[in-house]
């Protein structure tokens, strides 16, 4: 989403919704402009989006283990015979469940 096309109110609502949903599973969200990130990294790590595009860094808190990961393992959503990383699978599951 381009910041030029989003009002301050729309951004604040979206940000608040995201933070509320993530906090319920022990995660935090911090917004940044793609331009800020791309200026700090080498070309191979740059994100291919408009400089004014908004993104969120999502960071786990210590609560994530008990609020998201253990319930994910208990829910049988993770195949214990899988070779995939269970934390990665848990994060994919929860992040794909977010509705804004």
N, C-alpha and C. Protein backbone atom coordinates (compact mmCIF):
# COMPACT_ATOMS: atom_id res chain seq x y z
N UNK A 1 0.85 -1.17 0.00
CA UNK A 1 0.00 0.00 0.00
C UNK A 1 0.90 1.23 0.00
N UNK A 2 0.58 2.20 -0.80
CA UNK A 2 1.38 3.40 -0.93
C UNK A 2 0.91 4.45 0.07
N UNK A 3 1.84 5.07 0.77
CA UNK A 3 1.47 6.09 1.75
C UNK A 3 0.74 7.27 1.12
N UNK A 4 1.01 7.54 -0.15
CA UNK A 4 0.34 8.64 -0.83
C UNK A 4 -1.16 8.39 -0.92
N UNK A 5 -1.56 7.14 -0.97
CA UNK A 5 -2.96 6.78 -1.15
C UNK A 5 -3.67 6.47 0.16
N UNK A 6 -2.99 6.60 1.29
CA UNK A 6 -3.57 6.24 2.57
C UNK A 6 -3.59 7.47 3.47
N UNK A 7 -4.74 7.71 4.07
CA UNK A 7 -4.81 8.82 5.01
C UNK A 7 -4.14 8.42 6.33
N UNK A 8 -3.81 9.42 7.11
CA UNK A 8 -3.21 9.16 8.42
C UNK A 8 -4.16 8.32 9.27
N UNK A 9 -5.44 8.62 9.20
CA UNK A 9 -6.44 7.86 9.96
C UNK A 9 -6.48 6.40 9.52
N UNK A 10 -6.46 6.17 8.21
CA UNK A 10 -6.47 4.79 7.69
C UNK A 10 -5.24 4.02 8.15
N UNK A 11 -4.08 4.68 8.09
CA UNK A 11 -2.86 4.03 8.53
C UNK A 11 -2.93 3.69 10.02
N UNK A 12 -3.39 4.63 10.83
CA UNK A 12 -3.48 4.40 12.27
C UNK A 12 -4.44 3.27 12.59
N UNK A 13 -5.56 3.19 11.88
CA UNK A 13 -6.52 2.10 12.09
C UNK A 13 -5.91 0.76 11.72
N UNK A 14 -5.27 0.70 10.57
CA UNK A 14 -4.64 -0.54 10.12
C UNK A 14 -3.54 -0.97 11.08
N UNK A 15 -2.72 -0.03 11.48
CA UNK A 15 -1.62 -0.31 12.39
C UNK A 15 -2.16 -0.81 13.74
N UNK A 16 -3.19 -0.18 14.25
CA UNK A 16 -3.79 -0.58 15.52
C UNK A 16 -4.38 -1.99 15.43
N UNK A 17 -5.08 -2.28 14.32
CA UNK A 17 -5.66 -3.62 14.14
C UNK A 17 -4.56 -4.68 14.09
N UNK A 18 -3.52 -4.40 13.35
CA UNK A 18 -2.41 -5.34 13.23
C UNK A 18 -1.76 -5.57 14.59
N UNK A 19 -1.47 -4.50 15.30
CA UNK A 19 -0.82 -4.62 16.60
C UNK A 19 -1.70 -5.37 17.60
N UNK A 20 -3.01 -5.14 17.56
CA UNK A 20 -3.93 -5.83 18.45
C UNK A 20 -3.93 -7.33 18.17
N UNK A 21 -4.04 -7.69 16.89
CA UNK A 21 -4.05 -9.11 16.54
C UNK A 21 -2.74 -9.79 16.90
N UNK A 22 -1.64 -9.13 16.63
CA UNK A 22 -0.33 -9.73 16.90
C UNK A 22 -0.04 -9.83 18.39
N UNK A 23 -0.47 -8.85 19.16
CA UNK A 23 -0.19 -8.89 20.60
C UNK A 23 -0.88 -10.07 21.27
N UNK A 24 -2.00 -10.52 20.69
CA UNK A 24 -2.72 -11.66 21.27
C UNK A 24 -1.96 -12.98 21.10
N UNK A 25 -0.92 -12.98 20.27
CA UNK A 25 -0.10 -14.19 20.10
C UNK A 25 1.37 -13.91 20.42
N UNK A 26 1.62 -12.83 21.14
CA UNK A 26 2.98 -12.56 21.60
C UNK A 26 3.92 -11.98 20.55
N UNK A 27 3.37 -11.21 19.62
CA UNK A 27 4.19 -10.56 18.60
C UNK A 27 3.98 -9.05 18.65
N UNK A 28 4.96 -8.31 18.16
CA UNK A 28 4.88 -6.85 18.04
C UNK A 28 5.06 -6.47 16.58
N UNK A 29 4.48 -5.33 16.19
CA UNK A 29 4.64 -4.82 14.83
C UNK A 29 5.14 -3.38 14.90
N UNK A 30 6.14 -3.08 14.06
CA UNK A 30 6.72 -1.75 14.02
C UNK A 30 6.80 -1.30 12.56
N UNK A 31 6.11 -0.19 12.21
CA UNK A 31 6.09 0.25 10.81
C UNK A 31 7.38 0.94 10.39
N UNK A 32 7.66 0.82 9.10
CA UNK A 32 8.78 1.55 8.50
C UNK A 32 8.51 1.71 7.01
N UNK A 33 9.15 2.72 6.41
CA UNK A 33 9.05 2.90 4.97
C UNK A 33 10.09 2.02 4.29
N UNK A 34 9.71 1.45 3.17
CA UNK A 34 10.64 0.61 2.40
C UNK A 34 11.92 1.38 2.09
N UNK A 35 11.78 2.66 1.78
CA UNK A 35 12.95 3.48 1.47
C UNK A 35 13.96 3.47 2.62
N UNK A 36 13.48 3.57 3.85
CA UNK A 36 14.38 3.59 5.00
C UNK A 36 15.20 2.30 5.06
N UNK A 37 14.52 1.19 4.82
CA UNK A 37 15.20 -0.12 4.84
C UNK A 37 16.19 -0.22 3.68
N UNK A 38 15.72 0.08 2.48
CA UNK A 38 16.56 -0.08 1.28
C UNK A 38 17.82 0.78 1.32
N UNK A 39 17.75 1.93 1.97
CA UNK A 39 18.93 2.79 2.08
C UNK A 39 20.01 2.18 2.99
N UNK A 40 19.61 1.26 3.84
CA UNK A 40 20.53 0.70 4.83
C UNK A 40 21.14 -0.65 4.44
N UNK A 41 20.61 -1.28 3.39
CA UNK A 41 21.09 -2.62 3.03
C UNK A 41 21.74 -2.62 1.65
N UNK A 42 22.53 -3.65 1.40
CA UNK A 42 23.16 -3.78 0.08
C UNK A 42 22.10 -4.14 -0.96
N UNK A 43 22.38 -3.89 -2.23
CA UNK A 43 21.39 -4.11 -3.29
C UNK A 43 20.74 -5.50 -3.28
N UNK A 44 21.47 -6.53 -2.96
CA UNK A 44 20.87 -7.87 -3.02
C UNK A 44 19.79 -8.09 -1.95
N UNK A 45 19.75 -7.24 -0.92
CA UNK A 45 18.75 -7.39 0.14
C UNK A 45 17.62 -6.36 0.04
N UNK A 46 17.66 -5.50 -0.97
CA UNK A 46 16.63 -4.47 -1.10
C UNK A 46 15.29 -5.09 -1.48
N UNK A 47 14.25 -4.46 -0.98
CA UNK A 47 12.89 -4.92 -1.26
C UNK A 47 12.39 -4.21 -2.52
N UNK A 48 11.79 -4.97 -3.46
CA UNK A 48 11.39 -4.40 -4.75
C UNK A 48 10.03 -3.71 -4.72
N UNK A 49 9.89 -2.73 -3.83
CA UNK A 49 8.63 -2.00 -3.72
C UNK A 49 8.92 -0.51 -3.77
N UNK A 50 7.89 0.27 -4.04
CA UNK A 50 7.99 1.72 -4.07
C UNK A 50 8.57 2.23 -2.75
N UNK A 51 9.40 3.26 -2.84
CA UNK A 51 10.02 3.83 -1.64
C UNK A 51 9.01 4.26 -0.58
N UNK A 52 7.84 4.69 -1.00
CA UNK A 52 6.82 5.16 -0.05
C UNK A 52 5.92 4.05 0.48
N UNK A 53 6.19 2.84 0.08
CA UNK A 53 5.40 1.71 0.57
C UNK A 53 5.70 1.50 2.05
N UNK A 54 4.66 1.18 2.80
CA UNK A 54 4.83 0.94 4.23
C UNK A 54 4.97 -0.57 4.46
N UNK A 55 5.82 -0.92 5.40
CA UNK A 55 6.01 -2.32 5.78
C UNK A 55 6.03 -2.38 7.31
N UNK A 56 5.93 -3.57 7.84
CA UNK A 56 5.99 -3.75 9.28
C UNK A 56 7.04 -4.79 9.62
N UNK A 57 7.90 -4.46 10.55
CA UNK A 57 8.81 -5.45 11.12
C UNK A 57 8.03 -6.14 12.23
N UNK A 58 7.94 -7.45 12.17
CA UNK A 58 7.20 -8.21 13.17
C UNK A 58 8.21 -8.96 14.03
N UNK A 59 8.12 -8.73 15.32
CA UNK A 59 9.11 -9.24 16.27
C UNK A 59 8.40 -10.06 17.34
N UNK A 60 8.99 -11.18 17.70
CA UNK A 60 8.40 -11.99 18.77
C UNK A 60 8.80 -11.45 20.13
N UNK A 61 7.89 -11.61 21.08
CA UNK A 61 8.17 -11.28 22.48
C UNK A 61 8.31 -12.61 23.22
N UNK A 62 8.77 -12.59 24.46
CA UNK A 62 8.87 -13.85 25.21
C UNK A 62 7.54 -14.59 25.32
N UNK A 63 6.41 -13.86 25.27
CA UNK A 63 5.09 -14.49 25.37
C UNK A 63 4.72 -15.32 24.15
N UNK A 64 5.39 -15.12 23.03
CA UNK A 64 5.04 -15.84 21.80
C UNK A 64 5.09 -17.35 22.00
N UNK A 65 6.04 -17.83 22.76
CA UNK A 65 6.20 -19.28 22.94
C UNK A 65 4.93 -19.90 23.51
N UNK A 66 4.40 -19.30 24.58
CA UNK A 66 3.20 -19.86 25.21
C UNK A 66 1.90 -19.43 24.55
N UNK A 67 1.89 -18.25 23.93
CA UNK A 67 0.65 -17.75 23.34
C UNK A 67 0.41 -18.25 21.92
N UNK A 68 1.46 -18.55 21.19
CA UNK A 68 1.31 -18.96 19.78
C UNK A 68 1.91 -20.33 19.50
N UNK A 69 3.16 -20.53 19.91
CA UNK A 69 3.87 -21.74 19.50
C UNK A 69 3.34 -23.01 20.15
N UNK A 70 3.22 -23.03 21.48
CA UNK A 70 2.71 -24.24 22.14
C UNK A 70 1.29 -24.58 21.70
N UNK A 71 0.37 -23.60 21.64
CA UNK A 71 -0.97 -23.93 21.14
C UNK A 71 -0.95 -24.46 19.70
N UNK A 72 -0.06 -23.93 18.88
CA UNK A 72 0.07 -24.41 17.50
C UNK A 72 0.48 -25.88 17.49
N UNK A 73 1.46 -26.24 18.31
CA UNK A 73 1.89 -27.64 18.37
C UNK A 73 0.79 -28.55 18.89
N UNK A 74 0.06 -28.10 19.90
CA UNK A 74 -1.03 -28.90 20.48
C UNK A 74 -2.23 -29.04 19.55
N UNK A 75 -2.38 -28.13 18.62
CA UNK A 75 -3.57 -28.11 17.76
C UNK A 75 -3.54 -29.13 16.64
N UNK A 76 -2.45 -29.84 16.50
CA UNK A 76 -2.27 -30.81 15.42
C UNK A 76 -2.22 -30.17 14.05
N UNK A 77 -1.98 -28.86 14.00
CA UNK A 77 -1.81 -28.19 12.71
C UNK A 77 -0.41 -28.41 12.16
N UNK A 78 0.50 -28.83 13.02
CA UNK A 78 1.87 -29.09 12.60
C UNK A 78 2.09 -30.59 12.51
N UNK A 79 2.59 -31.04 11.37
CA UNK A 79 2.89 -32.45 11.15
C UNK A 79 4.22 -32.77 11.84
N UNK A 80 4.16 -33.56 12.90
CA UNK A 80 5.37 -33.87 13.66
C UNK A 80 6.37 -34.69 12.86
N UNK A 81 5.95 -35.25 11.74
CA UNK A 81 6.87 -35.99 10.87
C UNK A 81 7.50 -35.08 9.80
N UNK A 82 7.10 -33.83 9.80
CA UNK A 82 7.59 -32.87 8.80
C UNK A 82 9.05 -32.53 9.05
N UNK A 83 9.74 -32.20 7.97
CA UNK A 83 11.13 -31.73 8.10
C UNK A 83 11.18 -30.21 8.16
N UNK A 84 10.03 -29.56 8.07
CA UNK A 84 9.97 -28.09 8.15
C UNK A 84 10.19 -27.63 9.58
N UNK A 85 10.71 -26.44 9.72
CA UNK A 85 10.94 -25.84 11.03
C UNK A 85 9.59 -25.52 11.67
N UNK A 86 9.29 -26.04 12.86
CA UNK A 86 7.99 -25.80 13.48
C UNK A 86 7.73 -24.32 13.81
N UNK A 87 8.76 -23.57 14.16
CA UNK A 87 8.57 -22.14 14.42
C UNK A 87 8.16 -21.43 13.13
N UNK A 88 8.83 -21.75 12.02
CA UNK A 88 8.47 -21.16 10.72
C UNK A 88 7.02 -21.49 10.38
N UNK A 89 6.65 -22.73 10.56
CA UNK A 89 5.28 -23.15 10.24
C UNK A 89 4.26 -22.44 11.13
N UNK A 90 4.59 -22.27 12.39
CA UNK A 90 3.71 -21.55 13.32
C UNK A 90 3.53 -20.10 12.88
N UNK A 91 4.63 -19.44 12.54
CA UNK A 91 4.55 -18.04 12.12
C UNK A 91 3.77 -17.90 10.82
N UNK A 92 4.00 -18.80 9.86
CA UNK A 92 3.23 -18.77 8.61
C UNK A 92 1.75 -18.91 8.90
N UNK A 93 1.40 -19.85 9.75
CA UNK A 93 0.00 -20.09 10.09
C UNK A 93 -0.63 -18.82 10.68
N UNK A 94 0.02 -18.26 11.68
CA UNK A 94 -0.56 -17.10 12.36
C UNK A 94 -0.57 -15.85 11.47
N UNK A 95 0.50 -15.61 10.74
CA UNK A 95 0.54 -14.41 9.89
C UNK A 95 -0.45 -14.51 8.74
N UNK A 96 -0.67 -15.72 8.22
CA UNK A 96 -1.67 -15.89 7.17
C UNK A 96 -3.10 -15.77 7.70
N UNK A 97 -3.27 -15.85 9.01
CA UNK A 97 -4.60 -15.75 9.62
C UNK A 97 -5.02 -14.31 9.90
N UNK A 98 -4.11 -13.37 9.76
CA UNK A 98 -4.40 -11.97 10.09
C UNK A 98 -5.35 -11.38 9.07
N UNK A 99 -6.37 -10.71 9.57
CA UNK A 99 -7.36 -10.04 8.73
C UNK A 99 -7.38 -8.56 9.09
N UNK A 100 -7.14 -7.71 8.10
CA UNK A 100 -7.19 -6.26 8.34
C UNK A 100 -8.37 -5.65 7.61
